[in-house]
């Protein structure tokens, strides 16, 4: 543990930020996985697919705006989800 009081506060603050960032990253992974499984599920209603994709996009954008993930990472993940969604819609048509 640091001897200087301000450094000790910085360590504590850094740890809390780390926990918050890890929780957000976990949420992103969960929502992305739900979106992928909903897209792959043939019996899912179109409203359900749209909602899950929208939630995944929103969480990625929020994490990017907060600086938790890089802008290009968020865009790449959104692009991959959209690619799956578009492949599904072209296959049905």
PDB file of N, CA and C in Angstrom:
ATOM      1  N   UNK A   1       0.847  -1.178   0.000  1.00  0.00           N
ATOM      2  CA  UNK A   1       0.000   0.000   0.000  1.00  0.00           C
ATOM      3  C   UNK A   1       0.890   1.237   0.000  1.00  0.00           C
ATOM      4  N   UNK A   2       0.499   2.271  -0.725  1.00  0.00           N
ATOM      5  CA  UNK A   2       1.305   3.493  -0.799  1.00  0.00           C
ATOM      6  C   UNK A   2       1.360   4.229   0.537  1.00  0.00           C
ATOM      7  N   UNK A   3       2.440   4.968   0.716  1.00  0.00           N
ATOM      8  CA  UNK A   3       2.614   5.751   1.934  1.00  0.00           C
ATOM      9  C   UNK A   3       1.946   7.117   1.842  1.00  0.00           C
ATOM     10  N   UNK A   4       1.820   7.624   0.640  1.00  0.00           N
ATOM     11  CA  UNK A   4       1.260   8.962   0.448  1.00  0.00           C
ATOM     12  C   UNK A   4      -0.256   8.863   0.333  1.00  0.00           C
ATOM     13  N   UNK A   5      -0.932   9.743   1.047  1.00  0.00           N
ATOM     14  CA  UNK A   5      -2.393   9.676   1.141  1.00  0.00           C
ATOM     15  C   UNK A   5      -3.075   9.849  -0.221  1.00  0.00           C
ATOM     16  N   UNK A   6      -2.597  10.794  -1.027  1.00  0.00           N
ATOM     17  CA  UNK A   6      -3.224  11.035  -2.327  1.00  0.00           C
ATOM     18  C   UNK A   6      -3.024   9.851  -3.268  1.00  0.00           C
ATOM     19  N   UNK A   7      -1.892   9.194  -3.167  1.00  0.00           N
ATOM     20  CA  UNK A   7      -1.633   8.021  -4.009  1.00  0.00           C
ATOM     21  C   UNK A   7      -2.530   6.861  -3.571  1.00  0.00           C
ATOM     22  N   UNK A   8      -2.745   6.740  -2.289  1.00  0.00           N
ATOM     23  CA  UNK A   8      -3.641   5.701  -1.787  1.00  0.00           C
ATOM     24  C   UNK A   8      -5.058   5.933  -2.315  1.00  0.00           C
ATOM     25  N   UNK A   9      -5.471   7.202  -2.347  1.00  0.00           N
ATOM     26  CA  UNK A   9      -6.784   7.537  -2.898  1.00  0.00           C
ATOM     27  C   UNK A   9      -6.841   7.215  -4.387  1.00  0.00           C
ATOM     28  N   UNK A  10      -5.748   7.493  -5.107  1.00  0.00           N
ATOM     29  CA  UNK A  10      -5.691   7.185  -6.534  1.00  0.00           C
ATOM     30  C   UNK A  10      -5.816   5.684  -6.786  1.00  0.00           C
ATOM     31  N   UNK A  11      -5.171   4.883  -5.963  1.00  0.00           N
ATOM     32  CA  UNK A  11      -5.240   3.428  -6.099  1.00  0.00           C
ATOM     33  C   UNK A  11      -6.673   2.952  -5.876  1.00  0.00           C
ATOM     34  N   UNK A  12      -7.312   3.503  -4.855  1.00  0.00           N
ATOM     35  CA  UNK A  12      -8.693   3.125  -4.563  1.00  0.00           C
ATOM     36  C   UNK A  12      -9.616   3.522  -5.713  1.00  0.00           C
ATOM     37  N   UNK A  13      -9.440   4.739  -6.217  1.00  0.00           N
ATOM     38  CA  UNK A  13     -10.245   5.228  -7.324  1.00  0.00           C
ATOM     39  C   UNK A  13     -10.032   4.384  -8.571  1.00  0.00           C
ATOM     40  N   UNK A  14      -8.787   4.034  -8.828  1.00  0.00           N
ATOM     41  CA  UNK A  14      -8.453   3.209  -9.985  1.00  0.00           C
ATOM     42  C   UNK A  14      -9.103   1.833  -9.882  1.00  0.00           C
ATOM     43  N   UNK A  15      -9.108   1.276  -8.693  1.00  0.00           N
ATOM     44  CA  UNK A  15      -9.720  -0.043  -8.487  1.00  0.00           C
ATOM     45  C   UNK A  15     -11.236   0.016  -8.731  1.00  0.00           C
ATOM     46  N   UNK A  16     -11.878   1.068  -8.239  1.00  0.00           N
ATOM     47  CA  UNK A  16     -13.319   1.210  -8.446  1.00  0.00           C
ATOM     48  C   UNK A  16     -13.652   1.381  -9.931  1.00  0.00           C
ATOM     49  N   UNK A  17     -12.835   2.162 -10.633  1.00  0.00           N
ATOM     50  CA  UNK A  17     -13.034   2.333 -12.077  1.00  0.00           C
ATOM     51  C   UNK A  17     -12.858   1.008 -12.803  1.00  0.00           C
ATOM     52  N   UNK A  18     -11.848   0.256 -12.385  1.00  0.00           N
ATOM     53  CA  UNK A  18     -11.593  -1.051 -12.991  1.00  0.00           C
ATOM     54  C   UNK A  18     -12.807  -1.964 -12.837  1.00  0.00           C
ATOM     55  N   UNK A  19     -13.375  -2.003 -11.643  1.00  0.00           N
ATOM     56  CA  UNK A  19     -14.554  -2.839 -11.405  1.00  0.00           C
ATOM     57  C   UNK A  19     -15.733  -2.383 -12.261  1.00  0.00           C
ATOM     58  N   UNK A  20     -15.928  -1.070 -12.366  1.00  0.00           N
ATOM     59  CA  UNK A  20     -17.019  -0.532 -13.161  1.00  0.00           C
ATOM     60  C   UNK A  20     -16.825  -0.851 -14.641  1.00  0.00           C
ATOM     61  N   UNK A  21     -15.590  -0.719 -15.120  1.00  0.00           N
ATOM     62  CA  UNK A  21     -15.303  -1.020 -16.521  1.00  0.00           C
ATOM     63  C   UNK A  21     -15.495  -2.505 -16.819  1.00  0.00           C
ATOM     64  N   UNK A  22     -15.078  -3.360 -15.900  1.00  0.00           N
ATOM     65  CA  UNK A  22     -15.233  -4.799 -16.095  1.00  0.00           C
ATOM     66  C   UNK A  22     -16.712  -5.174 -16.150  1.00  0.00           C
ATOM     67  N   UNK A  23     -17.524  -4.535 -15.329  1.00  0.00           N
ATOM     68  CA  UNK A  23     -18.960  -4.806 -15.336  1.00  0.00           C
ATOM     69  C   UNK A  23     -19.576  -4.395 -16.670  1.00  0.00           C
ATOM     70  N   UNK A  24     -19.149  -3.256 -17.191  1.00  0.00           N
ATOM     71  CA  UNK A  24     -19.667  -2.787 -18.478  1.00  0.00           C
ATOM     72  C   UNK A  24     -19.240  -3.708 -19.607  1.00  0.00           C
ATOM     73  N   UNK A  25     -17.980  -4.138 -19.590  1.00  0.00           N
ATOM     74  CA  UNK A  25     -17.492  -5.048 -20.623  1.00  0.00           C
ATOM     75  C   UNK A  25     -18.234  -6.377 -20.570  1.00  0.00           C
ATOM     76  N   UNK A  26     -18.526  -6.841 -19.386  1.00  0.00           N
ATOM     77  CA  UNK A  26     -19.282  -8.079 -19.231  1.00  0.00           C
ATOM     78  C   UNK A  26     -20.692  -7.916 -19.785  1.00  0.00           C
ATOM     79  N   UNK A  27     -21.305  -6.771 -19.518  1.00  0.00           N
ATOM     80  CA  UNK A  27     -22.640  -6.493 -20.033  1.00  0.00           C
ATOM     81  C   UNK A  27     -22.630  -6.458 -21.557  1.00  0.00           C
ATOM     82  N   UNK A  28     -21.597  -5.856 -22.141  1.00  0.00           N
ATOM     83  CA  UNK A  28     -21.471  -5.804 -23.597  1.00  0.00           C
ATOM     84  C   UNK A  28     -21.409  -7.217 -24.173  1.00  0.00           C
ATOM     85  N   UNK A  29     -20.585  -8.054 -23.561  1.00  0.00           N
ATOM     86  CA  UNK A  29     -20.444  -9.433 -24.042  1.00  0.00           C
ATOM     87  C   UNK A  29     -21.769 -10.184 -23.943  1.00  0.00           C
ATOM     88  N   UNK A  30     -22.474 -10.003 -22.839  1.00  0.00           N
ATOM     89  CA  UNK A  30     -23.750 -10.686 -22.641  1.00  0.00           C
ATOM     90  C   UNK A  30     -24.778 -10.237 -23.673  1.00  0.00           C
ATOM     91  N   UNK A  31     -24.913  -8.931 -23.861  1.00  0.00           N
ATOM     92  CA  UNK A  31     -25.905  -8.416 -24.804  1.00  0.00           C
ATOM     93  C   UNK A  31     -25.547  -8.778 -26.248  1.00  0.00           C
ATOM     94  N   UNK A  32     -24.264  -8.797 -26.574  1.00  0.00           N
ATOM     95  CA  UNK A  32     -23.833  -9.195 -27.913  1.00  0.00           C
ATOM     96  C   UNK A  32     -24.165 -10.659 -28.160  1.00  0.00           C
ATOM     97  N   UNK A  33     -23.913 -11.480 -27.164  1.00  0.00           N
ATOM     98  CA  UNK A  33     -24.214 -12.908 -27.292  1.00  0.00           C
ATOM     99  C   UNK A  33     -25.718 -13.133 -27.434  1.00  0.00           C
ATOM    100  N   UNK A  34     -26.515 -12.402 -26.652  1.00  0.00           N
ATOM    101  CA  UNK A  34     -27.974 -12.511 -26.761  1.00  0.00           C
ATOM    102  C   UNK A  34     -28.448 -12.094 -28.147  1.00  0.00           C
ATOM    103  N   UNK A  35     -27.848 -11.042 -28.689  1.00  0.00           N
ATOM    104  CA  UNK A  35     -28.234 -10.582 -30.029  1.00  0.00           C
ATOM    105  C   UNK A  35     -27.901 -11.647 -31.068  1.00  0.00           C
ATOM    106  N   UNK A  36     -26.714 -12.241 -30.963  1.00  0.00           N
ATOM    107  CA  UNK A  36     -26.316 -13.278 -31.918  1.00  0.00           C
ATOM    108  C   UNK A  36     -27.223 -14.495 -31.838  1.00  0.00           C
ATOM    109  N   UNK A  37     -27.556 -14.923 -30.619  1.00  0.00           N
ATOM    110  CA  UNK A  37     -28.416 -16.101 -30.475  1.00  0.00           C
ATOM    111  C   UNK A  37     -29.841 -15.805 -30.924  1.00  0.00           C
ATOM    112  N   UNK A  38     -30.313 -14.586 -30.686  1.00  0.00           N
ATOM    113  CA  UNK A  38     -31.653 -14.216 -31.128  1.00  0.00           C
ATOM    114  C   UNK A  38     -31.722 -14.171 -32.653  1.00  0.00           C
ATOM    115  N   UNK A  39     -30.678 -13.658 -33.274  1.00  0.00           N
ATOM    116  CA  UNK A  39     -30.628 -13.612 -34.734  1.00  0.00           C
ATOM    117  C   UNK A  39     -30.609 -15.035 -35.299  1.00  0.00           C
ATOM    118  N   UNK A  40     -29.845 -15.918 -34.676  1.00  0.00           N
ATOM    119  CA  UNK A  40     -29.723 -17.288 -35.170  1.00  0.00           C
ATOM    120  C   UNK A  40     -30.979 -18.116 -34.917  1.00  0.00           C
ATOM    121  N   UNK A  41     -31.752 -17.716 -33.902  1.00  0.00           N
ATOM    122  CA  UNK A  41     -32.962 -18.464 -33.561  1.00  0.00           C
ATOM    123  C   UNK A  41     -34.038 -18.224 -34.617  1.00  0.00           C
ATOM    124  N   UNK A  42     -34.439 -19.296 -35.285  1.00  0.00           N
ATOM    125  CA  UNK A  42     -35.409 -19.173 -36.372  1.00  0.00           C
ATOM    126  C   UNK A  42     -36.807 -18.838 -35.859  1.00  0.00           C
ATOM    127  N   UNK A  43     -37.119 -19.233 -34.627  1.00  0.00           N
ATOM    128  CA  UNK A  43     -38.469 -19.014 -34.098  1.00  0.00           C
ATOM    129  C   UNK A  43     -38.640 -17.657 -33.407  1.00  0.00           C
ATOM    130  N   UNK A  44     -37.587 -16.845 -33.382  1.00  0.00           N
ATOM    131  CA  UNK A  44     -37.668 -15.543 -32.708  1.00  0.00           C
ATOM    132  C   UNK A  44     -38.504 -14.566 -33.523  1.00  0.00           C
ATOM    133  N   UNK A  45     -39.299 -13.786 -32.817  1.00  0.00           N
ATOM    134  CA  UNK A  45     -40.124 -12.771 -33.469  1.00  0.00           C
ATOM    135  C   UNK A  45     -39.236 -11.630 -33.956  1.00  0.00           C
ATOM    136  N   UNK A  46     -39.606 -10.985 -35.059  1.00  0.00           N
ATOM    137  CA  UNK A  46     -38.794  -9.866 -35.564  1.00  0.00           C
ATOM    138  C   UNK A  46     -38.631  -8.731 -34.557  1.00  0.00           C
ATOM    139  N   UNK A  47     -39.669  -8.499 -33.736  1.00  0.00           N
ATOM    140  CA  UNK A  47     -39.565  -7.444 -32.717  1.00  0.00           C
ATOM    141  C   UNK A  47     -38.512  -7.801 -31.672  1.00  0.00           C
ATOM    142  N   UNK A  48     -38.447  -9.086 -31.342  1.00  0.00           N
ATOM    143  CA  UNK A  48     -37.475  -9.558 -30.353  1.00  0.00           C
ATOM    144  C   UNK A  48     -36.051  -9.410 -30.893  1.00  0.00           C
ATOM    145  N   UNK A  49     -35.860  -9.730 -32.158  1.00  0.00           N
ATOM    146  CA  UNK A  49     -34.546  -9.599 -32.789  1.00  0.00           C
ATOM    147  C   UNK A  49     -34.129  -8.134 -32.816  1.00  0.00           C
ATOM    148  N   UNK A  50     -35.051  -7.275 -33.220  1.00  0.00           N
ATOM    149  CA  UNK A  50     -34.765  -5.844 -33.278  1.00  0.00           C
ATOM    150  C   UNK A  50     -34.417  -5.289 -31.902  1.00  0.00           C
ATOM    151  N   UNK A  51     -35.145  -5.711 -30.884  1.00  0.00           N
ATOM    152  CA  UNK A  51     -34.892  -5.230 -29.525  1.00  0.00           C
ATOM    153  C   UNK A  51     -33.528  -5.677 -29.023  1.00  0.00           C
ATOM    154  N   UNK A  52     -33.170  -6.934 -29.257  1.00  0.00           N
ATOM    155  CA  UNK A  52     -31.883  -7.431 -28.755  1.00  0.00           C
ATOM    156  C   UNK A  52     -30.720  -6.763 -29.478  1.00  0.00           C
ATOM    157  N   UNK A  53     -30.863  -6.551 -30.783  1.00  0.00           N
ATOM    158  CA  UNK A  53     -29.806  -5.867 -31.543  1.00  0.00           C
ATOM    159  C   UNK A  53     -29.695  -4.414 -31.088  1.00  0.00           C
ATOM    160  N   UNK A  54     -30.820  -3.777 -30.858  1.00  0.00           N
ATOM    161  CA  UNK A  54     -30.825  -2.394 -30.390  1.00  0.00           C
ATOM    162  C   UNK A  54     -30.152  -2.261 -29.020  1.00  0.00           C
ATOM    163  N   UNK A  55     -30.426  -3.199 -28.125  1.00  0.00           N
ATOM    164  CA  UNK A  55     -29.794  -3.179 -26.799  1.00  0.00           C
ATOM    165  C   UNK A  55     -28.286  -3.360 -26.903  1.00  0.00           C
ATOM    166  N   UNK A  56     -27.855  -4.258 -27.779  1.00  0.00           N
ATOM    167  CA  UNK A  56     -26.420  -4.488 -27.961  1.00  0.00           C
ATOM    168  C   UNK A  56     -25.750  -3.231 -28.515  1.00  0.00           C
ATOM    169  N   UNK A  57     -26.368  -2.614 -29.513  1.00  0.00           N
ATOM    170  CA  UNK A  57     -25.815  -1.395 -30.096  1.00  0.00           C
ATOM    171  C   UNK A  57     -25.739  -0.273 -29.074  1.00  0.00           C
ATOM    172  N   UNK A  58     -26.785  -0.140 -28.270  1.00  0.00           N
ATOM    173  CA  UNK A  58     -26.825   0.923 -27.267  1.00  0.00           C
ATOM    174  C   UNK A  58     -25.725   0.738 -26.219  1.00  0.00           C
ATOM    175  N   UNK A  59     -25.522  -0.507 -25.781  1.00  0.00           N
ATOM    176  CA  UNK A  59     -24.486  -0.737 -24.770  1.00  0.00           C
ATOM    177  C   UNK A  59     -23.097  -0.495 -25.344  1.00  0.00           C
ATOM    178  N   UNK A  60     -22.884  -0.859 -26.620  1.00  0.00           N
ATOM    179  CA  UNK A  60     -21.594  -0.601 -27.259  1.00  0.00           C
ATOM    180  C   UNK A  60     -21.344   0.901 -27.404  1.00  0.00           C
ATOM    181  N   UNK A  61     -22.364   1.633 -27.819  1.00  0.00           N
ATOM    182  CA  UNK A  61     -22.212   3.086 -27.966  1.00  0.00           C
ATOM    183  C   UNK A  61     -21.953   3.765 -26.623  1.00  0.00           C
ATOM    184  N   UNK A  62     -22.660   3.313 -25.592  1.00  0.00           N
ATOM    185  CA  UNK A  62     -22.487   3.906 -24.271  1.00  0.00           C
ATOM    186  C   UNK A  62     -21.075   3.646 -23.738  1.00  0.00           C
ATOM    187  N   UNK A  63     -20.581   2.435 -23.943  1.00  0.00           N
ATOM    188  CA  UNK A  63     -19.223   2.103 -23.486  1.00  0.00           C
ATOM    189  C   UNK A  63     -18.187   2.916 -24.247  1.00  0.00           C
ATOM    190  N   UNK A  64     -18.442   3.121 -25.537  1.00  0.00           N
ATOM    191  CA  UNK A  64     -17.513   3.932 -26.326  1.00  0.00           C
ATOM    192  C   UNK A  64     -17.518   5.384 -25.843  1.00  0.00           C
ATOM    193  N   UNK A  65     -18.699   5.929 -25.580  1.00  0.00           N
ATOM    194  CA  UNK A  65     -18.786   7.310 -25.131  1.00  0.00           C
ATOM    195  C   UNK A  65     -18.144   7.513 -23.766  1.00  0.00           C
ATOM    196  N   UNK A  66     -18.183   6.490 -22.932  1.00  0.00           N
ATOM    197  CA  UNK A  66     -17.567   6.586 -21.606  1.00  0.00           C
ATOM    198  C   UNK A  66     -16.071   6.303 -21.643  1.00  0.00           C
ATOM    199  N   UNK A  67     -15.562   5.881 -22.783  1.00  0.00           N
ATOM    200  CA  UNK A  67     -14.130   5.614 -22.913  1.00  0.00           C
ATOM    201  C   UNK A  67     -13.714   4.247 -22.422  1.00  0.00           C
ATOM    202  N   UNK A  68     -14.652   3.331 -22.279  1.00  0.00           N
ATOM    203  CA  UNK A  68     -14.343   1.999 -21.784  1.00  0.00           C
ATOM    204  C   UNK A  68     -13.773   1.132 -22.899  1.00  0.00           C
ATOM    205  N   UNK A  69     -14.319   1.303 -24.113  1.00  0.00           N
ATOM    206  CA  UNK A  69     -13.771   0.620 -25.279  1.00  0.00           C
ATOM    207  C   UNK A  69     -13.481   1.658 -26.359  1.00  0.00           C
ATOM    208  N   UNK A  70     -12.641   1.291 -27.293  1.00  0.00           N
ATOM    209  CA  UNK A  70     -12.274   2.194 -28.379  1.00  0.00           C
ATOM    210  C   UNK A  70     -13.412   2.300 -29.386  1.00  0.00           C
ATOM    211  N   UNK A  71     -13.470   3.415 -30.075  1.00  0.00           N
ATOM    212  CA  UNK A  71     -14.524   3.666 -31.065  1.00  0.00           C
ATOM    213  C   UNK A  71     -14.537   2.595 -32.149  1.00  0.00           C
ATOM    214  N   UNK A  72     -13.359   2.215 -32.640  1.00  0.00           N
ATOM    215  CA  UNK A  72     -13.295   1.229 -33.711  1.00  0.00           C
ATOM    216  C   UNK A  72     -13.737  -0.155 -33.238  1.00  0.00           C
ATOM    217  N   UNK A  73     -13.487  -0.464 -31.987  1.00  0.00           N
ATOM    218  CA  UNK A  73     -13.925  -1.747 -31.425  1.00  0.00           C
ATOM    219  C   UNK A  73     -15.448  -1.794 -31.399  1.00  0.00           C
ATOM    220  N   UNK A  74     -16.053  -0.714 -30.943  1.00  0.00           N
ATOM    221  CA  UNK A  74     -17.520  -0.644 -30.901  1.00  0.00           C
ATOM    222  C   UNK A  74     -18.100  -0.763 -32.303  1.00  0.00           C
ATOM    223  N   UNK A  75     -17.515  -0.043 -33.248  1.00  0.00           N
ATOM    224  CA  UNK A  75     -18.023  -0.088 -34.623  1.00  0.00           C
ATOM    225  C   UNK A  75     -17.826  -1.460 -35.256  1.00  0.00           C
ATOM    226  N   UNK A  76     -16.698  -2.111 -34.971  1.00  0.00           N
ATOM    227  CA  UNK A  76     -16.452  -3.439 -35.523  1.00  0.00           C
ATOM    228  C   UNK A  76     -17.464  -4.450 -34.988  1.00  0.00           C
ATOM    229  N   UNK A  77     -17.726  -4.392 -33.708  1.00  0.00           N
ATOM    230  CA  UNK A  77     -18.685  -5.330 -33.112  1.00  0.00           C
ATOM    231  C   UNK A  77     -20.100  -5.074 -33.625  1.00  0.00           C
ATOM    232  N   UNK A  78     -20.469  -3.806 -33.763  1.00  0.00           N
ATOM    233  CA  UNK A  78     -21.781  -3.472 -34.311  1.00  0.00           C
ATOM    234  C   UNK A  78     -21.890  -3.948 -35.757  1.00  0.00           C
ATOM    235  N   UNK A  79     -20.813  -3.795 -36.504  1.00  0.00           N
ATOM    236  CA  UNK A  79     -20.804  -4.223 -37.896  1.00  0.00           C
ATOM    237  C   UNK A  79     -20.987  -5.729 -38.018  1.00  0.00           C
ATOM    238  N   UNK A  80     -20.356  -6.477 -37.155  1.00  0.00           N
ATOM    239  CA  UNK A  80     -20.477  -7.933 -37.198  1.00  0.00           C
ATOM    240  C   UNK A  80     -21.895  -8.388 -36.867  1.00  0.00           C
ATOM    241  N   UNK A  81     -22.520  -7.714 -35.916  1.00  0.00           N
ATOM    242  CA  UNK A  81     -23.909  -8.046 -35.579  1.00  0.00           C
ATOM    243  C   UNK A  81     -24.818  -7.705 -36.759  1.00  0.00           C
ATOM    244  N   UNK A  82     -24.611  -6.523 -37.344  1.00  0.00           N
ATOM    245  CA  UNK A  82     -25.427  -6.100 -38.481  1.00  0.00           C
ATOM    246  C   UNK A  82     -25.241  -7.030 -39.669  1.00  0.00           C
ATOM    247  N   UNK A  83     -24.026  -7.512 -39.850  1.00  0.00           N
ATOM    248  CA  UNK A  83     -23.732  -8.443 -40.939  1.00  0.00           C
ATOM    249  C   UNK A  83     -24.538  -9.728 -40.781  1.00  0.00           C
ATOM    250  N   UNK A  84     -24.609 -10.236 -39.559  1.00  0.00           N
ATOM    251  CA  UNK A  84     -25.404 -11.449 -39.295  1.00  0.00           C
ATOM    252  C   UNK A  84     -26.895 -11.176 -39.530  1.00  0.00           C
ATOM    253  N   UNK A  85     -27.339 -10.017 -39.080  1.00  0.00           N
ATOM    254  CA  UNK A  85     -28.748  -9.643 -39.244  1.00  0.00           C
ATOM    255  C   UNK A  85     -29.110  -9.517 -40.727  1.00  0.00           C
ATOM    256  N   UNK A  86     -28.240  -8.894 -41.502  1.00  0.00           N
ATOM    257  CA  UNK A  86     -28.479  -8.722 -42.929  1.00  0.00           C
ATOM    258  C   UNK A  86     -28.432 -10.059 -43.663  1.00  0.00           C
ATOM    259  N   UNK A  87     -27.537 -10.948 -43.257  1.00  0.00           N
ATOM    260  CA  UNK A  87     -27.471 -12.277 -43.865  1.00  0.00           C
ATOM    261  C   UNK A  87     -28.756 -13.047 -43.604  1.00  0.00           C
ATOM    262  N   UNK A  88     -29.299 -12.879 -42.429  1.00  0.00           N
ATOM    263  CA  UNK A  88     -30.561 -13.547 -42.081  1.00  0.00           C
ATOM    264  C   UNK A  88     -31.722 -12.988 -42.918  1.00  0.00           C
ATOM    265  N   UNK A  89     -31.767 -11.673 -43.053  1.00  0.00           N
ATOM    266  CA  UNK A  89     -32.870 -11.053 -43.792  1.00  0.00           C
ATOM    267  C   UNK A  89     -32.787 -11.384 -45.298  1.00  0.00           C
ATOM    268  N   UNK A  90     -31.600 -11.497 -45.849  1.00  0.00           N
ATOM    269  CA  UNK A  90     -31.475 -11.863 -47.256  1.00  0.00           C
ATOM    270  C   UNK A  90     -31.788 -13.345 -47.475  1.00  0.00           C
ATOM    271  N   UNK A  91     -31.484 -14.161 -46.483  1.00  0.00           N
ATOM    272  CA  UNK A  91     -31.785 -15.585 -46.595  1.00  0.00           C
ATOM    273  C   UNK A  91     -33.298 -15.844 -46.549  1.00  0.00           C
ATOM    274  N   UNK A  92     -34.013 -15.039 -45.757  1.00  0.00           N
ATOM    275  CA  UNK A  92     -35.467 -15.198 -45.653  1.00  0.00           C
ATOM    276  C   UNK A  92     -36.188 -14.695 -46.905  1.00  0.00           C
ATOM    277  N   UNK A  93     -35.581 -13.696 -47.555  1.00  0.00           N
ATOM    278  CA  UNK A  93     -36.233 -13.086 -48.730  1.00  0.00           C
ATOM    279  C   UNK A  93     -36.045 -13.900 -49.985  1.00  0.00           C
TER     280      UNK A  93
END
